Amino acid sequence: MDKNSSLKESVTHGDIEEIIVRVLDQRQSEDDMHHFLAWYHAKEENRELFFQIKDIYERRAGGLYPNDREIHASWERLRNRRTVGSPRRILCTLVAAVALVLIVSGVYFYFQNREEIRWVEVRTTPRSAPRAISLSDGSTVLLNASSWLKYPEKFRGKSREVFLDGEACFTVSRDEKCKFIVHTDQQEIHVLGTRFNVQGYSSDPYTVTTLITGKVKLATHDRGNLSTSELTMRPNQQVYFDKQRNETAVSQINPDEVVTWMKGVYSFRDASLEEITGRLGRVMGIVFVIPDESDRIEKYTGKFFPDQTPEEIAGVLNFNGQFRSEFRNDTLFLLNR
């Protein structure tokens, strides 16, 4: 059995509840963090449960004093929610852990009139115009076509966390006491206040992060949720993360060329035909089929627009007349002559 398999098994059958408590209390070991990340990324329900628990745990610092009935009612509301694994045992463990902290520190938390965390999900369709989204902290997101963003209606606690599958440009309001985290497939971006672009479709074998202003910390992990790298990005840097090889490459770029999509232009410079068609296919809802591998790695430079027809796109790519193109059922074939 490999390391990742044994890790997943231990997360499934182990004492994840105690690990969550240690993570929240910032006294976890390296093994604890590995187990926690595997559990956290395994299911959406696990992530929802963790954020509910995290919200409760961080409210210790509120300095407010509820009575026993209010505390009991708050825990019952969370216990009755649909969770995974061993939720009752997790919540009981957390009740005991929080109670101990309250006794020792004399700090109580208050749940009367507590609102549930409300998550907002935004999905864009192929060929759609960029969609502007305003977050509760004043940060803004411009979401590209064929993308998905999930964020809380109101940020709480010590971090501002959102989830992205697709491409977006973030302009983050600075708050040194509350970091901003963007979760994508196998990658997390930690920022205070900055502007950056993320191309992170979960179905793509890579993620491209471009820093425009400010500074961010980018952390990557493999499919087994083990950390693979962590680096700090500077303005005008781009990080290409190969998710299959767990490798990162840093380059200096002109960020203006990266965010042309915000104006309805998709620019490519010395990009492979496979990369170009993959990106265009995603945002325009077209499937490209290129049978010849040598054609797929050929480099191109050019610009494309969302209102172009498949035939027009094929014409631009076929400027040398090397292809015979066929389009049917939303699929564009680029065949050798």
C-alpha atoms as a PDB file:
ATOM      1  CA  MET A   1       0.000   0.000   0.000  1.00  0.00           C
ATOM      2  CA  ASP A   2       1.432   3.396  -0.942  1.00  0.00           C
ATOM      3  CA  LYS A   3       1.727   6.333   1.404  1.00  0.00           C
ATOM      4  CA  ASN A   4      -1.277   8.199  -0.007  1.00  0.00           C
ATOM      5  CA  SER A   5      -3.557   5.154   0.295  1.00  0.00           C
ATOM      6  CA  SER A   6      -2.620   4.554   3.920  1.00  0.00           C
ATOM      7  CA  LEU A   7      -3.064   8.258   4.613  1.00  0.00           C
ATOM      8  CA  LYS A   8      -6.588   8.287   3.188  1.00  0.00           C
ATOM      9  CA  GLU A   9      -7.491   5.175   5.180  1.00  0.00           C
ATOM     10  CA  SER A  10      -6.232   6.703   8.422  1.00  0.00           C
ATOM     11  CA  VAL A  11      -8.222   9.867   7.728  1.00  0.00           C
ATOM     12  CA  THR A  12     -11.377   7.859   7.103  1.00  0.00           C
ATOM     13  CA  HIS A  13     -11.113   5.687  10.189  1.00  0.00           C
ATOM     14  CA  GLY A  14      -8.901   7.762  12.467  1.00  0.00           C
ATOM     15  CA  ASP A  15      -9.630  10.371  15.071  1.00  0.00           C
ATOM     16  CA  ILE A  16     -10.138  13.294  12.718  1.00  0.00           C
ATOM     17  CA  GLU A  17     -12.134  15.150  15.365  1.00  0.00           C
ATOM     18  CA  GLU A  18      -9.124  15.469  17.686  1.00  0.00           C
ATOM     19  CA  ILE A  19      -6.983  16.569  14.753  1.00  0.00           C
ATOM     20  CA  ILE A  20      -9.489  19.323  13.882  1.00  0.00           C
ATOM     21  CA  VAL A  21      -9.323  20.605  17.445  1.00  0.00           C
ATOM     22  CA  ARG A  22      -5.504  20.707  17.313  1.00  0.00           C
ATOM     23  CA  VAL A  23      -5.575  22.463  13.939  1.00  0.00           C
ATOM     24  CA  LEU A  24      -7.990  25.098  15.227  1.00  0.00           C
ATOM     25  CA  ASP A  25      -5.853  25.538  18.329  1.00  0.00           C
ATOM     26  CA  GLN A  26      -2.682  25.810  16.150  1.00  0.00           C
ATOM     27  CA  ARG A  27      -0.873  23.000  17.930  1.00  0.00           C
ATOM     28  CA  GLN A  28      -1.072  20.379  15.192  1.00  0.00           C
ATOM     29  CA  SER A  29       1.875  18.223  14.148  1.00  0.00           C
ATOM     30  CA  GLU A  30       3.014  17.766  10.540  1.00  0.00           C
ATOM     31  CA  ASP A  31       1.206  14.403  10.412  1.00  0.00           C
ATOM     32  CA  ASP A  32      -1.919  16.052  11.803  1.00  0.00           C
ATOM     33  CA  MET A  33      -1.851  18.575   8.978  1.00  0.00           C
ATOM     34  CA  HIS A  34      -1.434  15.849   6.346  1.00  0.00           C
ATOM     35  CA  HIS A  35      -4.411  13.930   7.768  1.00  0.00           C
ATOM     36  CA  PHE A  36      -6.485  17.082   8.057  1.00  0.00           C
ATOM     37  CA  LEU A  37      -5.818  18.182   4.451  1.00  0.00           C
ATOM     38  CA  ALA A  38      -6.724  14.737   3.107  1.00  0.00           C
ATOM     39  CA  TRP A  39     -10.019  14.818   5.025  1.00  0.00           C
ATOM     40  CA  TYR A  40     -10.691  18.463   4.115  1.00  0.00           C
ATOM     41  CA  HIS A  41     -10.258  17.946   0.367  1.00  0.00           C
ATOM     42  CA  ALA A  42     -12.080  14.595   0.244  1.00  0.00           C
ATOM     43  CA  LYS A  43     -15.634  15.972   0.145  1.00  0.00           C
ATOM     44  CA  GLU A  44     -17.438  19.294  -0.075  1.00  0.00           C
ATOM     45  CA  GLU A  45     -19.431  18.343   3.039  1.00  0.00           C
ATOM     46  CA  ASN A  46     -16.197  18.002   5.022  1.00  0.00           C
ATOM     47  CA  ARG A  47     -15.201  21.532   4.059  1.00  0.00           C
ATOM     48  CA  GLU A  48     -18.610  22.913   4.997  1.00  0.00           C
ATOM     49  CA  LEU A  49     -18.438  21.169   8.372  1.00  0.00           C
ATOM     50  CA  PHE A  50     -14.961  22.521   9.045  1.00  0.00           C
ATOM     51  CA  PHE A  51     -15.954  26.130   8.306  1.00  0.00           C
ATOM     52  CA  GLN A  52     -18.979  25.826  10.599  1.00  0.00           C
ATOM     53  CA  ILE A  53     -16.777  24.476  13.386  1.00  0.00           C
ATOM     54  CA  LYS A  54     -14.107  27.102  12.696  1.00  0.00           C
ATOM     55  CA  ASP A  55     -16.717  29.842  12.930  1.00  0.00           C
ATOM     56  CA  ILE A  56     -17.845  28.561  16.342  1.00  0.00           C
ATOM     57  CA  TYR A  57     -14.311  28.127  17.627  1.00  0.00           C
ATOM     58  CA  GLU A  58     -13.146  31.610  16.670  1.00  0.00           C
ATOM     59  CA  ARG A  59     -16.099  33.273  18.401  1.00  0.00           C
ATOM     60  CA  ARG A  60     -14.437  32.516  21.746  1.00  0.00           C
ATOM     61  CA  ALA A  61     -12.684  35.864  21.387  1.00  0.00           C
ATOM     62  CA  GLY A  62     -15.959  37.779  21.305  1.00  0.00           C
ATOM     63  CA  GLY A  63     -15.961  38.379  25.054  1.00  0.00           C
ATOM     64  CA  LEU A  64     -19.743  37.931  25.285  1.00  0.00           C
ATOM     65  CA  TYR A  65     -21.501  35.842  27.895  1.00  0.00           C
ATOM     66  CA  PRO A  66     -24.486  33.668  26.926  1.00  0.00           C
ATOM     67  CA  ASN A  67     -26.418  31.541  29.350  1.00  0.00           C
ATOM     68  CA  ASP A  68     -26.376  27.728  29.353  1.00  0.00           C
ATOM     69  CA  ARG A  69     -29.611  27.488  27.375  1.00  0.00           C
ATOM     70  CA  GLU A  70     -28.239  29.655  24.553  1.00  0.00           C
ATOM     71  CA  ILE A  71     -24.986  27.708  24.342  1.00  0.00           C
ATOM     72  CA  HIS A  72     -26.849  24.389  24.285  1.00  0.00           C
ATOM     73  CA  ALA A  73     -29.255  25.618  21.587  1.00  0.00           C
ATOM     74  CA  SER A  74     -26.374  26.777  19.388  1.00  0.00           C
ATOM     75  CA  TRP A  75     -24.606  23.430  19.538  1.00  0.00           C
ATOM     76  CA  GLU A  76     -27.865  21.615  18.831  1.00  0.00           C
ATOM     77  CA  ARG A  77     -28.417  23.672  15.658  1.00  0.00           C
ATOM     78  CA  LEU A  78     -25.026  22.636  14.343  1.00  0.00           C
ATOM     79  CA  ARG A  79     -25.354  19.018  15.495  1.00  0.00           C
ATOM     80  CA  ASN A  80     -28.623  18.634  13.600  1.00  0.00           C
ATOM     81  CA  ARG A  81     -27.078  19.744  10.299  1.00  0.00           C
ATOM     82  CA  ARG A  82     -26.198  17.042   7.741  1.00  0.00           C
ATOM     83  CA  THR A  83     -22.494  16.180   8.071  1.00  0.00           C
ATOM     84  CA  VAL A  84     -20.169  13.319   7.110  1.00  0.00           C
ATOM     85  CA  GLY A  85     -17.973  10.808   8.887  1.00  0.00           C
ATOM     86  CA  SER A  86     -18.625  10.945  12.629  1.00  0.00           C
ATOM     87  CA  PRO A  87     -20.235  14.377  13.161  1.00  0.00           C
ATOM     88  CA  ARG A  88     -21.736  13.710  16.581  1.00  0.00           C
ATOM     89  CA  ARG A  89     -18.388  12.560  17.942  1.00  0.00           C
ATOM     90  CA  ILE A  90     -16.637  15.540  16.340  1.00  0.00           C
ATOM     91  CA  LEU A  91     -19.052  18.024  17.847  1.00  0.00           C
ATOM     92  CA  CYS A  92     -18.928  16.414  21.279  1.00  0.00           C
ATOM     93  CA  THR A  93     -15.136  16.544  21.219  1.00  0.00           C
ATOM     94  CA  LEU A  94     -15.236  20.192  20.203  1.00  0.00           C
ATOM     95  CA  VAL A  95     -17.782  21.029  22.900  1.00  0.00           C
ATOM     96  CA  ALA A  96     -15.412  19.567  25.484  1.00  0.00           C
ATOM     97  CA  ALA A  97     -12.383  21.352  24.001  1.00  0.00           C
ATOM     98  CA  VAL A  98     -14.123  24.715  23.835  1.00  0.00           C
ATOM     99  CA  ALA A  99     -15.552  24.292  27.318  1.00  0.00           C
ATOM    100  CA  LEU A 100     -12.036  23.683  28.665  1.00  0.00           C
ATOM    101  CA  VAL A 101     -10.755  26.820  26.960  1.00  0.00           C
ATOM    102  CA  LEU A 102     -13.639  28.842  28.368  1.00  0.00           C
ATOM    103  CA  ILE A 103     -12.997  27.624  31.891  1.00  0.00           C
ATOM    104  CA  VAL A 104      -9.282  28.354  31.712  1.00  0.00           C
ATOM    105  CA  SER A 105      -9.454  31.731  29.951  1.00  0.00           C
ATOM    106  CA  GLY A 106     -12.788  32.981  31.254  1.00  0.00           C
ATOM    107  CA  VAL A 107     -13.827  33.867  27.705  1.00  0.00           C
ATOM    108  CA  TYR A 108     -17.340  33.012  26.526  1.00  0.00           C
ATOM    109  CA  PHE A 109     -18.870  33.168  23.115  1.00  0.00           C
ATOM    110  CA  TYR A 110     -22.337  34.241  22.188  1.00  0.00           C
ATOM    111  CA  PHE A 111     -24.688  32.629  19.687  1.00  0.00           C
ATOM    112  CA  GLN A 112     -27.988  34.356  20.312  1.00  0.00           C
ATOM    113  CA  ASN A 113     -29.325  35.594  16.974  1.00  0.00           C
ATOM    114  CA  ARG A 114     -26.394  33.860  15.267  1.00  0.00           C
ATOM    115  CA  GLU A 115     -26.815  33.705  11.525  1.00  0.00           C
ATOM    116  CA  GLU A 116     -25.843  30.669   9.510  1.00  0.00           C
ATOM    117  CA  ILE A 117     -22.955  31.140   7.082  1.00  0.00           C
ATOM    118  CA  ARG A 118     -24.555  31.909   3.741  1.00  0.00           C
ATOM    119  CA  TRP A 119     -22.528  30.822   0.727  1.00  0.00           C
ATOM    120  CA  VAL A 120     -22.973  32.404  -2.666  1.00  0.00           C
ATOM    121  CA  GLU A 121     -22.146  30.520  -5.871  1.00  0.00           C
ATOM    122  CA  VAL A 122     -21.708  32.231  -9.221  1.00  0.00           C
ATOM    123  CA  ARG A 123     -21.383  30.278 -12.476  1.00  0.00           C
ATOM    124  CA  THR A 124     -20.700  31.768 -15.882  1.00  0.00           C
ATOM    125  CA  THR A 125     -21.396  30.153 -19.236  1.00  0.00           C
ATOM    126  CA  PRO A 126     -19.205  29.795 -22.333  1.00  0.00           C
ATOM    127  CA  ARG A 127     -18.807  33.036 -24.323  1.00  0.00           C
ATOM    128  CA  SER A 128     -20.324  35.070 -21.483  1.00  0.00           C
ATOM    129  CA  ALA A 129     -18.945  38.528 -20.759  1.00  0.00           C
ATOM    130  CA  PRO A 130     -16.726  38.881 -17.663  1.00  0.00           C
ATOM    131  CA  ARG A 131     -18.886  39.183 -14.565  1.00  0.00           C
ATOM    132  CA  ALA A 132     -18.012  41.653 -11.804  1.00  0.00           C
ATOM    133  CA  ILE A 133     -18.572  40.475  -8.220  1.00  0.00           C
ATOM    134  CA  SER A 134     -18.253  42.618  -5.086  1.00  0.00           C
ATOM    135  CA  LEU A 135     -17.346  40.862  -1.837  1.00  0.00           C
ATOM    136  CA  SER A 136     -18.380  42.001   1.634  1.00  0.00           C
ATOM    137  CA  ASP A 137     -14.871  43.253   2.525  1.00  0.00           C
ATOM    138  CA  GLY A 138     -14.690  45.601  -0.454  1.00  0.00           C
ATOM    139  CA  SER A 139     -12.658  43.200  -2.592  1.00  0.00           C
ATOM    140  CA  THR A 140     -13.755  42.707  -6.196  1.00  0.00           C
ATOM    141  CA  VAL A 141     -13.602  39.746  -8.565  1.00  0.00           C
ATOM    142  CA  LEU A 142     -13.943  39.725 -12.329  1.00  0.00           C
ATOM    143  CA  LEU A 143     -15.026  36.208 -13.293  1.00  0.00           C
ATOM    144  CA  ASN A 144     -14.290  34.903 -16.778  1.00  0.00           C
ATOM    145  CA  ALA A 145     -16.525  32.691 -18.943  1.00  0.00           C
ATOM    146  CA  SER A 146     -17.068  29.017 -18.011  1.00  0.00           C
ATOM    147  CA  SER A 147     -16.012  29.689 -14.417  1.00  0.00           C
ATOM    148  CA  TRP A 148     -17.349  29.098 -10.908  1.00  0.00           C
ATOM    149  CA  LEU A 149     -16.787  31.107  -7.730  1.00  0.00           C
ATOM    150  CA  LYS A 150     -18.005  30.311  -4.235  1.00  0.00           C
ATOM    151  CA  TYR A 151     -17.736  32.858  -1.430  1.00  0.00           C
ATOM    152  CA  PRO A 152     -19.490  33.673   1.864  1.00  0.00           C
ATOM    153  CA  GLU A 153     -22.113  36.386   1.838  1.00  0.00           C
ATOM    154  CA  LYS A 154     -20.211  37.907   4.757  1.00  0.00           C
ATOM    155  CA  PHE A 155     -16.646  37.114   5.838  1.00  0.00           C
ATOM    156  CA  ARG A 156     -16.138  36.018   9.442  1.00  0.00           C
ATOM    157  CA  GLY A 157     -13.218  34.999  11.596  1.00  0.00           C
ATOM    158  CA  LYS A 158      -9.526  35.493  10.937  1.00  0.00           C
ATOM    159  CA  SER A 159      -9.483  34.697   7.229  1.00  0.00           C
ATOM    160  CA  ARG A 160     -11.413  35.475   4.056  1.00  0.00           C
ATOM    161  CA  GLU A 161     -11.680  32.320   1.969  1.00  0.00           C
ATOM    162  CA  VAL A 162     -13.162  31.787  -1.490  1.00  0.00           C
ATOM    163  CA  PHE A 163     -13.162  28.883  -3.954  1.00  0.00           C
ATOM    164  CA  LEU A 164     -12.504  29.143  -7.688  1.00  0.00           C
ATOM    165  CA  ASP A 165     -12.816  26.730 -10.591  1.00  0.00           C
ATOM    166  CA  GLY A 166     -12.012  28.706 -13.702  1.00  0.00           C
ATOM    167  CA  GLU A 167     -10.409  32.088 -14.321  1.00  0.00           C
ATOM    168  CA  ALA A 168     -10.758  35.315 -12.381  1.00  0.00           C
ATOM    169  CA  CYS A 169      -8.933  38.526 -11.640  1.00  0.00           C
ATOM    170  CA  PHE A 170      -8.964  39.476  -7.932  1.00  0.00           C
ATOM    171  CA  THR A 171      -8.502  42.956  -6.492  1.00  0.00           C
ATOM    172  CA  VAL A 172      -8.228  42.341  -2.742  1.00  0.00           C
ATOM    173  CA  SER A 173      -8.833  44.961  -0.060  1.00  0.00           C
ATOM    174  CA  ARG A 174      -5.920  45.064   2.356  1.00  0.00           C
ATOM    175  CA  ASP A 175      -6.532  43.786   5.891  1.00  0.00           C
ATOM    176  CA  GLU A 176      -3.388  42.704   7.731  1.00  0.00           C
ATOM    177  CA  LYS A 177      -5.437  41.006  10.455  1.00  0.00           C
ATOM    178  CA  CYS A 178      -7.531  38.948   8.057  1.00  0.00           C
ATOM    179  CA  LYS A 179      -5.735  37.251   5.185  1.00  0.00           C
ATOM    180  CA  PHE A 180      -7.503  36.466   1.923  1.00  0.00           C
ATOM    181  CA  ILE A 181      -7.223  32.901   0.555  1.00  0.00           C
ATOM    182  CA  VAL A 182      -8.214  31.673  -2.894  1.00  0.00           C
ATOM    183  CA  HIS A 183      -8.625  27.898  -3.137  1.00  0.00           C
ATOM    184  CA  THR A 184      -8.225  26.279  -6.555  1.00  0.00           C
ATOM    185  CA  ASP A 185      -7.538  22.682  -7.567  1.00  0.00           C
ATOM    186  CA  GLN A 186      -4.327  21.638  -5.726  1.00  0.00           C
ATOM    187  CA  GLN A 187      -3.420  25.236  -4.922  1.00  0.00           C
ATOM    188  CA  GLU A 188      -4.036  27.973  -2.347  1.00  0.00           C
ATOM    189  CA  ILE A 189      -3.140  31.645  -2.776  1.00  0.00           C
ATOM    190  CA  HIS A 190      -2.647  33.687   0.418  1.00  0.00           C
ATOM    191  CA  VAL A 191      -2.818  37.483   0.156  1.00  0.00           C
ATOM    192  CA  LEU A 192      -3.309  40.611   2.269  1.00  0.00           C
ATOM    193  CA  GLY A 193      -4.101  43.211  -0.367  1.00  0.00           C
ATOM    194  CA  THR A 194      -3.146  42.872  -4.011  1.00  0.00           C
ATOM    195  CA  ARG A 195      -4.291  42.283  -7.587  1.00  0.00           C
ATOM    196  CA  PHE A 196      -3.719  38.996  -9.374  1.00  0.00           C
ATOM    197  CA  ASN A 197      -5.125  36.735 -12.083  1.00  0.00           C
ATOM    198  CA  VAL A 198      -5.771  33.003 -11.673  1.00  0.00           C
ATOM    199  CA  GLN A 199      -6.451  30.568 -14.486  1.00  0.00           C
ATOM    200  CA  GLY A 200      -7.356  27.461 -12.527  1.00  0.00           C
ATOM    201  CA  TYR A 201      -9.853  25.126 -14.166  1.00  0.00           C
ATOM    202  CA  SER A 202      -9.976  21.838 -12.257  1.00  0.00           C
ATOM    203  CA  SER A 203     -10.136  19.874 -15.521  1.00  0.00           C
ATOM    204  CA  ASP A 204      -6.924  21.443 -16.832  1.00  0.00           C
ATOM    205  CA  PRO A 205      -3.561  19.776 -16.054  1.00  0.00           C
ATOM    206  CA  TYR A 206      -2.110  23.099 -14.971  1.00  0.00           C
ATOM    207  CA  THR A 207      -2.877  26.322 -13.086  1.00  0.00           C
ATOM    208  CA  VAL A 208      -1.455  29.708 -14.069  1.00  0.00           C
ATOM    209  CA  THR A 209      -1.205  32.488 -11.468  1.00  0.00           C
ATOM    210  CA  THR A 210      -0.110  35.991 -12.469  1.00  0.00           C
ATOM    211  CA  LEU A 211       0.666  38.698  -9.921  1.00  0.00           C
ATOM    212  CA  ILE A 212      -0.094  42.240 -11.070  1.00  0.00           C
ATOM    213  CA  THR A 213       0.497  44.257  -7.879  1.00  0.00           C
ATOM    214  CA  GLY A 214       1.328  43.486  -4.251  1.00  0.00           C
ATOM    215  CA  LYS A 215       2.673  40.183  -2.955  1.00  0.00           C
ATOM    216  CA  VAL A 216       1.151  36.725  -2.527  1.00  0.00           C
ATOM    217  CA  LYS A 217       2.187  33.381  -1.094  1.00  0.00           C
ATOM    218  CA  LEU A 218       1.287  30.446  -3.308  1.00  0.00           C
ATOM    219  CA  ALA A 219       1.062  26.934  -1.836  1.00  0.00           C
ATOM    220  CA  THR A 220       0.584  23.801  -3.950  1.00  0.00           C
ATOM    221  CA  HIS A 221      -0.182  20.200  -3.039  1.00  0.00           C
ATOM    222  CA  ASP A 222      -0.482  16.885  -4.860  1.00  0.00           C
ATOM    223  CA  ARG A 223      -3.559  14.677  -5.322  1.00  0.00           C
ATOM    224  CA  GLY A 224      -2.833  13.092  -1.963  1.00  0.00           C
ATOM    225  CA  ASN A 225      -3.030  16.585  -0.407  1.00  0.00           C
ATOM    226  CA  LEU A 226       0.635  16.573   0.592  1.00  0.00           C
ATOM    227  CA  SER A 227       2.380  19.909   0.263  1.00  0.00           C
ATOM    228  CA  THR A 228       4.611  20.116  -2.832  1.00  0.00           C
ATOM    229  CA  SER A 229       5.844  23.703  -2.813  1.00  0.00           C
ATOM    230  CA  GLU A 230       5.404  27.144  -1.315  1.00  0.00           C
ATOM    231  CA  LEU A 231       6.741  30.357  -2.790  1.00  0.00           C
ATOM    232  CA  THR A 232       6.271  34.106  -2.589  1.00  0.00           C
ATOM    233  CA  MET A 233       5.380  35.924  -5.790  1.00  0.00           C
ATOM    234  CA  ARG A 234       6.411  39.435  -6.788  1.00  0.00           C
ATOM    235  CA  PRO A 235       4.683  41.794  -9.257  1.00  0.00           C
ATOM    236  CA  ASN A 236       5.015  40.838 -12.945  1.00  0.00           C
ATOM    237  CA  GLN A 237       5.716  37.218 -12.047  1.00  0.00           C
ATOM    238  CA  GLN A 238       3.755  34.274 -13.372  1.00  0.00           C
ATOM    239  CA  VAL A 239       3.738  30.787 -11.848  1.00  0.00           C
ATOM    240  CA  TYR A 240       2.853  27.816 -14.024  1.00  0.00           C
ATOM    241  CA  PHE A 241       1.924  24.816 -11.863  1.00  0.00           C
ATOM    242  CA  ASP A 242       1.925  21.414 -13.569  1.00  0.00           C
ATOM    243  CA  LYS A 243      -0.595  19.451 -11.492  1.00  0.00           C
ATOM    244  CA  GLN A 244       0.378  16.089 -12.955  1.00  0.00           C
ATOM    245  CA  ARG A 245       4.113  16.456 -12.288  1.00  0.00           C
ATOM    246  CA  ASN A 246       3.692  18.644  -9.180  1.00  0.00           C
ATOM    247  CA  GLU A 247       6.176  21.116 -10.636  1.00  0.00           C
ATOM    248  CA  THR A 248       6.158  24.919 -10.673  1.00  0.00           C
ATOM    249  CA  ALA A 249       7.894  27.289 -13.072  1.00  0.00           C
ATOM    250  CA  VAL A 250       8.291  31.018 -12.453  1.00  0.00           C
ATOM    251  CA  SER A 251       8.682  33.556 -15.254  1.00  0.00           C
ATOM    252  CA  GLN A 252       8.702  37.331 -15.713  1.00  0.00           C
ATOM    253  CA  ILE A 253       5.820  38.546 -17.865  1.00  0.00           C
ATOM    254  CA  ASN A 254       3.851  41.612 -18.878  1.00  0.00           C
ATOM    255  CA  PRO A 255       0.613  41.190 -16.887  1.00  0.00           C
ATOM    256  CA  ASP A 256      -1.266  43.431 -19.308  1.00  0.00           C
ATOM    257  CA  GLU A 257      -1.095  40.620 -21.865  1.00  0.00           C
ATOM    258  CA  VAL A 258      -2.575  38.157 -19.367  1.00  0.00           C
ATOM    259  CA  VAL A 259      -5.698  40.140 -18.480  1.00  0.00           C
ATOM    260  CA  THR A 260      -6.746  41.104 -22.016  1.00  0.00           C
ATOM    261  CA  TRP A 261      -9.650  38.675 -21.554  1.00  0.00           C
ATOM    262  CA  MET A 262     -11.230  41.332 -19.338  1.00  0.00           C
ATOM    263  CA  LYS A 263     -11.637  43.408 -22.515  1.00  0.00           C
ATOM    264  CA  GLY A 264     -12.840  40.496 -24.617  1.00  0.00           C
ATOM    265  CA  VAL A 265      -9.478  39.601 -26.181  1.00  0.00           C
ATOM    266  CA  TYR A 266      -7.634  36.288 -25.760  1.00  0.00           C
ATOM    267  CA  SER A 267      -3.963  36.884 -26.541  1.00  0.00           C
ATOM    268  CA  PHE A 268      -1.327  34.196 -27.003  1.00  0.00           C
ATOM    269  CA  ARG A 269       2.414  34.582 -27.519  1.00  0.00           C
ATOM    270  CA  ASP A 270       4.497  31.553 -28.524  1.00  0.00           C
ATOM    271  CA  ALA A 271       1.843  29.231 -27.089  1.00  0.00           C
ATOM    272  CA  SER A 272       1.303  25.666 -28.248  1.00  0.00           C
ATOM    273  CA  LEU A 273      -1.740  24.886 -30.348  1.00  0.00           C
ATOM    274  CA  GLU A 274      -2.869  22.536 -27.583  1.00  0.00           C
ATOM    275  CA  GLU A 275      -2.740  25.345 -25.006  1.00  0.00           C
ATOM    276  CA  ILE A 276      -4.558  27.769 -27.313  1.00  0.00           C
ATOM    277  CA  THR A 277      -7.361  25.396 -28.265  1.00  0.00           C
ATOM    278  CA  GLY A 278      -7.718  24.221 -24.678  1.00  0.00           C
ATOM    279  CA  ARG A 279      -8.289  27.757 -23.458  1.00  0.00           C
ATOM    280  CA  LEU A 280     -10.527  28.783 -26.351  1.00  0.00           C
ATOM    281  CA  GLY A 281     -12.509  25.579 -26.063  1.00  0.00           C
ATOM    282  CA  ARG A 282     -13.136  26.249 -22.401  1.00  0.00           C
ATOM    283  CA  VAL A 283     -14.350  29.837 -22.692  1.00  0.00           C
ATOM    284  CA  MET A 284     -16.190  29.410 -26.019  1.00  0.00           C
ATOM    285  CA  GLY A 285     -17.804  26.028 -25.468  1.00  0.00           C
ATOM    286  CA  ILE A 286     -16.054  24.310 -28.384  1.00  0.00           C
ATOM    287  CA  VAL A 287     -14.332  20.924 -28.383  1.00  0.00           C
ATOM    288  CA  PHE A 288     -11.153  20.916 -30.467  1.00  0.00           C
ATOM    289  CA  VAL A 289      -9.835  17.642 -31.878  1.00  0.00           C
ATOM    290  CA  ILE A 290      -6.263  17.653 -33.222  1.00  0.00           C
ATOM    291  CA  PRO A 291      -5.185  14.055 -33.996  1.00  0.00           C
ATOM    292  CA  ASP A 292      -1.547  14.786 -34.867  1.00  0.00           C
ATOM    293  CA  GLU A 293       0.645  15.308 -31.787  1.00  0.00           C
ATOM    294  CA  SER A 294       3.225  17.281 -33.772  1.00  0.00           C
ATOM    295  CA  ASP A 295       0.491  19.777 -34.649  1.00  0.00           C
ATOM    296  CA  ARG A 296      -0.556  20.109 -31.012  1.00  0.00           C
ATOM    297  CA  ILE A 297       2.905  21.243 -29.867  1.00  0.00           C
ATOM    298  CA  GLU A 298       3.347  23.778 -32.689  1.00  0.00           C
ATOM    299  CA  LYS A 299       3.770  27.358 -31.369  1.00  0.00           C
ATOM    300  CA  TYR A 300       1.495  30.219 -32.343  1.00  0.00           C
ATOM    301  CA  THR A 301       1.050  33.934 -31.596  1.00  0.00           C
ATOM    302  CA  GLY A 302      -2.276  35.625 -32.117  1.00  0.00           C
ATOM    303  CA  LYS A 303      -5.501  37.092 -30.765  1.00  0.00           C
ATOM    304  CA  PHE A 304      -9.023  35.696 -30.626  1.00  0.00           C
ATOM    305  CA  PHE A 305     -12.421  37.120 -29.690  1.00  0.00           C
ATOM    306  CA  PRO A 306     -15.469  35.520 -28.010  1.00  0.00           C
ATOM    307  CA  ASP A 307     -17.797  36.464 -30.883  1.00  0.00           C
ATOM    308  CA  GLN A 308     -15.746  34.596 -33.494  1.00  0.00           C
ATOM    309  CA  THR A 309     -17.370  31.578 -35.087  1.00  0.00           C
ATOM    310  CA  PRO A 310     -15.609  28.185 -35.050  1.00  0.00           C
ATOM    311  CA  GLU A 311     -14.954  28.601 -38.780  1.00  0.00           C
ATOM    312  CA  GLU A 312     -13.299  31.981 -38.179  1.00  0.00           C
ATOM    313  CA  ILE A 313     -11.147  30.515 -35.402  1.00  0.00           C
ATOM    314  CA  ALA A 314     -10.124  27.657 -37.681  1.00  0.00           C
ATOM    315  CA  GLY A 315      -9.224  30.191 -40.347  1.00  0.00           C
ATOM    316  CA  VAL A 316      -6.892  32.071 -38.007  1.00  0.00           C
ATOM    317  CA  LEU A 317      -5.178  28.870 -36.880  1.00  0.00           C
ATOM    318  CA  ASN A 318      -4.958  27.636 -40.452  1.00  0.00           C
ATOM    319  CA  PHE A 319      -3.113  30.675 -41.824  1.00  0.00           C
ATOM    320  CA  ASN A 320      -0.535  28.408 -43.480  1.00  0.00           C
ATOM    321  CA  GLY A 321      -3.192  26.172 -44.994  1.00  0.00           C
ATOM    322  CA  GLN A 322      -1.843  23.133 -43.127  1.00  0.00           C
ATOM    323  CA  PHE A 323      -5.221  21.975 -41.825  1.00  0.00           C
ATOM    324  CA  ARG A 324      -8.461  20.678 -43.201  1.00  0.00           C
ATOM    325  CA  SER A 325     -11.115  21.805 -40.737  1.00  0.00           C
ATOM    326  CA  GLU A 326     -14.507  20.245 -40.029  1.00  0.00           C
ATOM    327  CA  PHE A 327     -17.075  21.510 -37.534  1.00  0.00           C
ATOM    328  CA  ARG A 328     -20.028  19.471 -36.282  1.00  0.00           C
ATOM    329  CA  ASN A 329     -21.892  19.057 -32.993  1.00  0.00           C
ATOM    330  CA  ASP A 330     -19.847  21.817 -31.256  1.00  0.00           C
ATOM    331  CA  THR A 331     -16.640  19.972 -32.183  1.00  0.00           C
ATOM    332  CA  LEU A 332     -13.944  21.463 -34.411  1.00  0.00           C
ATOM    333  CA  PHE A 333     -11.606  18.982 -36.102  1.00  0.00           C
ATOM    334  CA  LEU A 334      -8.228  20.237 -37.309  1.00  0.00           C
ATOM    335  CA  LEU A 335      -6.950  17.499 -39.604  1.00  0.00           C
ATOM    336  CA  ASN A 336      -3.787  17.252 -41.659  1.00  0.00           C
ATOM    337  CA  ARG A 337      -4.255  17.712 -45.377  1.00  0.00           C
END
